[in-house]
Amino acid sequence: MSRTLTRANLSEAVYQEVGLSRNESADFVERVLEEISSSLEQGETVKVSSFGAFSVREKGGRVGRNPKTGEEVPIKPRRVLVFRPSHVLKDRVNKSAPRDDAPSSDTPEVA
């Protein structure tokens, strides 16, 4: 079952690990997220060591198509948020994910 990490979870983790009060922990998490958001709004790249980089990319306008009707629809130029995970994060995620080609624990390996 997947779990969603929330601001409250982050605040609680800061409270448990750092020892700030719950209010200070919540304020700390809010300040970090606000700093990240403000930087991205200004078009800056946000790099978090051993985690990844957030950046804003400009997408030009184009003509799209409504899949139901086939009607052409103009799509306006816009900015999109891009996340590029670090190799460290990719390795951690892949290390914990079960692989399809890995033998299961209940199947004996044949030499």
C-alpha atoms as a PDB file:
ATOM      1  CA  MET A   1       0.000   0.000   0.000  1.00  0.00           C
ATOM      2  CA  SER A   2       1.453   3.372  -0.954  1.00  0.00           C
ATOM      3  CA  ARG A   3       1.574   6.241   1.473  1.00  0.00           C
ATOM      4  CA  THR A   4       1.571   9.934   0.681  1.00  0.00           C
ATOM      5  CA  LEU A   5       4.128  12.129   2.422  1.00  0.00           C
ATOM      6  CA  THR A   6       2.449  15.315   3.654  1.00  0.00           C
ATOM      7  CA  ARG A   7       3.595  18.589   5.209  1.00  0.00           C
ATOM      8  CA  ALA A   8       2.373  17.255   8.531  1.00  0.00           C
ATOM      9  CA  ASN A   9       4.572  14.156   8.101  1.00  0.00           C
ATOM     10  CA  LEU A  10       7.576  16.340   7.310  1.00  0.00           C
ATOM     11  CA  SER A  11       6.884  18.584  10.306  1.00  0.00           C
ATOM     12  CA  GLU A  12       6.566  15.564  12.571  1.00  0.00           C
ATOM     13  CA  ALA A  13       9.864  14.157  11.259  1.00  0.00           C
ATOM     14  CA  VAL A  14      11.616  17.468  11.980  1.00  0.00           C
ATOM     15  CA  TYR A  15      10.032  17.499  15.446  1.00  0.00           C
ATOM     16  CA  GLN A  16      11.233  13.944  16.156  1.00  0.00           C
ATOM     17  CA  GLU A  17      14.731  14.241  14.680  1.00  0.00           C
ATOM     18  CA  VAL A  18      15.774  17.836  15.393  1.00  0.00           C
ATOM     19  CA  GLY A  19      13.963  18.501  18.634  1.00  0.00           C
ATOM     20  CA  LEU A  20      12.254  21.744  17.676  1.00  0.00           C
ATOM     21  CA  SER A  21       8.763  22.302  19.019  1.00  0.00           C
ATOM     22  CA  ARG A  22       5.887  21.156  16.805  1.00  0.00           C
ATOM     23  CA  ASN A  23       5.095  24.774  15.865  1.00  0.00           C
ATOM     24  CA  GLU A  24       8.739  25.538  15.104  1.00  0.00           C
ATOM     25  CA  SER A  25       8.974  22.345  13.050  1.00  0.00           C
ATOM     26  CA  ALA A  26       5.875  23.264  11.026  1.00  0.00           C
ATOM     27  CA  ASP A  27       7.229  26.804  10.491  1.00  0.00           C
ATOM     28  CA  PHE A  28      10.587  25.377   9.407  1.00  0.00           C
ATOM     29  CA  VAL A  29       8.999  23.053   6.826  1.00  0.00           C
ATOM     30  CA  GLU A  30       6.792  25.899   5.535  1.00  0.00           C
ATOM     31  CA  ARG A  31       9.815  28.199   5.186  1.00  0.00           C
ATOM     32  CA  VAL A  32      11.821  25.597   3.244  1.00  0.00           C
ATOM     33  CA  LEU A  33       8.910  24.890   0.886  1.00  0.00           C
ATOM     34  CA  GLU A  34       8.274  28.619   0.437  1.00  0.00           C
ATOM     35  CA  GLU A  35      11.938  29.223  -0.415  1.00  0.00           C
ATOM     36  CA  ILE A  36      11.849  26.437  -3.021  1.00  0.00           C
ATOM     37  CA  SER A  37       8.579  27.745  -4.493  1.00  0.00           C
ATOM     38  CA  SER A  38       9.823  31.355  -4.660  1.00  0.00           C
ATOM     39  CA  SER A  39      13.014  30.327  -6.430  1.00  0.00           C
ATOM     40  CA  LEU A  40      11.080  28.296  -8.994  1.00  0.00           C
ATOM     41  CA  GLU A  41       8.636  31.172  -9.584  1.00  0.00           C
ATOM     42  CA  GLN A  42      11.648  33.337 -10.484  1.00  0.00           C
ATOM     43  CA  GLY A  43      12.824  30.702 -12.952  1.00  0.00           C
ATOM     44  CA  GLU A  44      15.781  29.559 -10.833  1.00  0.00           C
ATOM     45  CA  THR A  45      16.903  25.950 -10.590  1.00  0.00           C
ATOM     46  CA  VAL A  46      16.706  24.355  -7.134  1.00  0.00           C
ATOM     47  CA  LYS A  47      19.284  21.632  -6.498  1.00  0.00           C
ATOM     48  CA  VAL A  48      19.106  19.425  -3.420  1.00  0.00           C
ATOM     49  CA  SER A  49      22.282  17.395  -3.001  1.00  0.00           C
ATOM     50  CA  SER A  50      21.770  13.610  -3.236  1.00  0.00           C
ATOM     51  CA  PHE A  51      18.088  14.185  -4.072  1.00  0.00           C
ATOM     52  CA  GLY A  52      17.668  15.999  -7.371  1.00  0.00           C
ATOM     53  CA  ALA A  53      17.011  19.266  -9.154  1.00  0.00           C
ATOM     54  CA  PHE A  54      13.803  21.167  -9.791  1.00  0.00           C
ATOM     55  CA  SER A  55      13.710  23.556 -12.732  1.00  0.00           C
ATOM     56  CA  VAL A  56      11.221  25.487 -14.818  1.00  0.00           C
ATOM     57  CA  ARG A  57      11.034  24.891 -18.548  1.00  0.00           C
ATOM     58  CA  GLU A  58       9.335  27.131 -21.090  1.00  0.00           C
ATOM     59  CA  LYS A  59       7.035  25.307 -23.494  1.00  0.00           C
ATOM     60  CA  GLY A  60       6.016  27.067 -26.657  1.00  0.00           C
ATOM     61  CA  GLY A  61       2.501  27.336 -27.988  1.00  0.00           C
ATOM     62  CA  ARG A  62       1.271  24.701 -30.381  1.00  0.00           C
ATOM     63  CA  VAL A  63      -1.845  23.269 -31.926  1.00  0.00           C
ATOM     64  CA  GLY A  64      -3.255  20.264 -30.124  1.00  0.00           C
ATOM     65  CA  ARG A  65      -6.152  18.005 -30.934  1.00  0.00           C
ATOM     66  CA  ASN A  66      -9.183  17.072 -28.834  1.00  0.00           C
ATOM     67  CA  PRO A  67      -9.010  13.247 -28.731  1.00  0.00           C
ATOM     68  CA  LYS A  68     -12.802  12.866 -28.585  1.00  0.00           C
ATOM     69  CA  THR A  69     -13.769  15.158 -31.430  1.00  0.00           C
ATOM     70  CA  GLY A  70     -10.531  15.485 -33.389  1.00  0.00           C
ATOM     71  CA  GLU A  71     -11.005  19.264 -33.304  1.00  0.00           C
ATOM     72  CA  GLU A  72      -7.820  21.338 -33.349  1.00  0.00           C
ATOM     73  CA  VAL A  73      -7.295  23.377 -30.186  1.00  0.00           C
ATOM     74  CA  PRO A  74      -4.613  26.014 -29.609  1.00  0.00           C
ATOM     75  CA  ILE A  75      -2.374  25.313 -26.591  1.00  0.00           C
ATOM     76  CA  LYS A  76      -0.877  28.483 -25.109  1.00  0.00           C
ATOM     77  CA  PRO A  77       2.804  28.830 -24.218  1.00  0.00           C
ATOM     78  CA  ARG A  78       3.408  27.911 -20.594  1.00  0.00           C
ATOM     79  CA  ARG A  79       5.998  27.133 -17.963  1.00  0.00           C
ATOM     80  CA  VAL A  80       6.265  23.588 -16.629  1.00  0.00           C
ATOM     81  CA  LEU A  81       8.031  22.245 -13.573  1.00  0.00           C
ATOM     82  CA  VAL A  82      10.642  19.561 -14.204  1.00  0.00           C
ATOM     83  CA  PHE A  83      12.265  17.290 -11.621  1.00  0.00           C
ATOM     84  CA  ARG A  84      15.472  15.424 -12.389  1.00  0.00           C
ATOM     85  CA  PRO A  85      16.364  12.938  -9.665  1.00  0.00           C
ATOM     86  CA  SER A  86      20.008  12.514  -8.681  1.00  0.00           C
ATOM     87  CA  HIS A  87      21.817   9.249  -9.323  1.00  0.00           C
ATOM     88  CA  VAL A  88      21.904   8.708  -5.560  1.00  0.00           C
ATOM     89  CA  LEU A  89      18.100   8.901  -5.372  1.00  0.00           C
ATOM     90  CA  LYS A  90      17.670   6.720  -8.465  1.00  0.00           C
ATOM     91  CA  ASP A  91      19.959   4.091  -6.958  1.00  0.00           C
ATOM     92  CA  ARG A  92      18.074   4.135  -3.641  1.00  0.00           C
ATOM     93  CA  VAL A  93      14.708   3.790  -5.382  1.00  0.00           C
ATOM     94  CA  ASN A  94      15.919   0.981  -7.626  1.00  0.00           C
ATOM     95  CA  LYS A  95      17.640  -0.806  -4.760  1.00  0.00           C
ATOM     96  CA  SER A  96      14.383  -0.999  -2.774  1.00  0.00           C
ATOM     97  CA  ALA A  97      12.182  -1.917  -5.754  1.00  0.00           C
ATOM     98  CA  PRO A  98      11.718  -5.620  -6.502  1.00  0.00           C
ATOM     99  CA  ARG A  99      13.215  -6.570  -9.854  1.00  0.00           C
ATOM    100  CA  ASP A 100      11.332  -8.757 -12.329  1.00  0.00           C
ATOM    101  CA  ASP A 101      14.456 -10.755 -13.172  1.00  0.00           C
ATOM    102  CA  ALA A 102      15.468 -11.348  -9.544  1.00  0.00           C
ATOM    103  CA  PRO A 103      14.731 -14.823  -8.184  1.00  0.00           C
ATOM    104  CA  SER A 104      12.009 -14.870  -5.557  1.00  0.00           C
ATOM    105  CA  SER A 105      12.921 -15.950  -2.052  1.00  0.00           C
ATOM    106  CA  ASP A 106      10.715 -19.060  -2.233  1.00  0.00           C
ATOM    107  CA  THR A 107      12.221 -20.317  -5.492  1.00  0.00           C
ATOM    108  CA  PRO A 108      15.512 -22.162  -5.075  1.00  0.00           C
ATOM    109  CA  GLU A 109      18.335 -21.010  -7.320  1.00  0.00           C
ATOM    110  CA  VAL A 110      19.673 -23.656  -9.708  1.00  0.00           C
ATOM    111  CA  ALA A 111      23.434 -23.722 -10.215  1.00  0.00           C
END
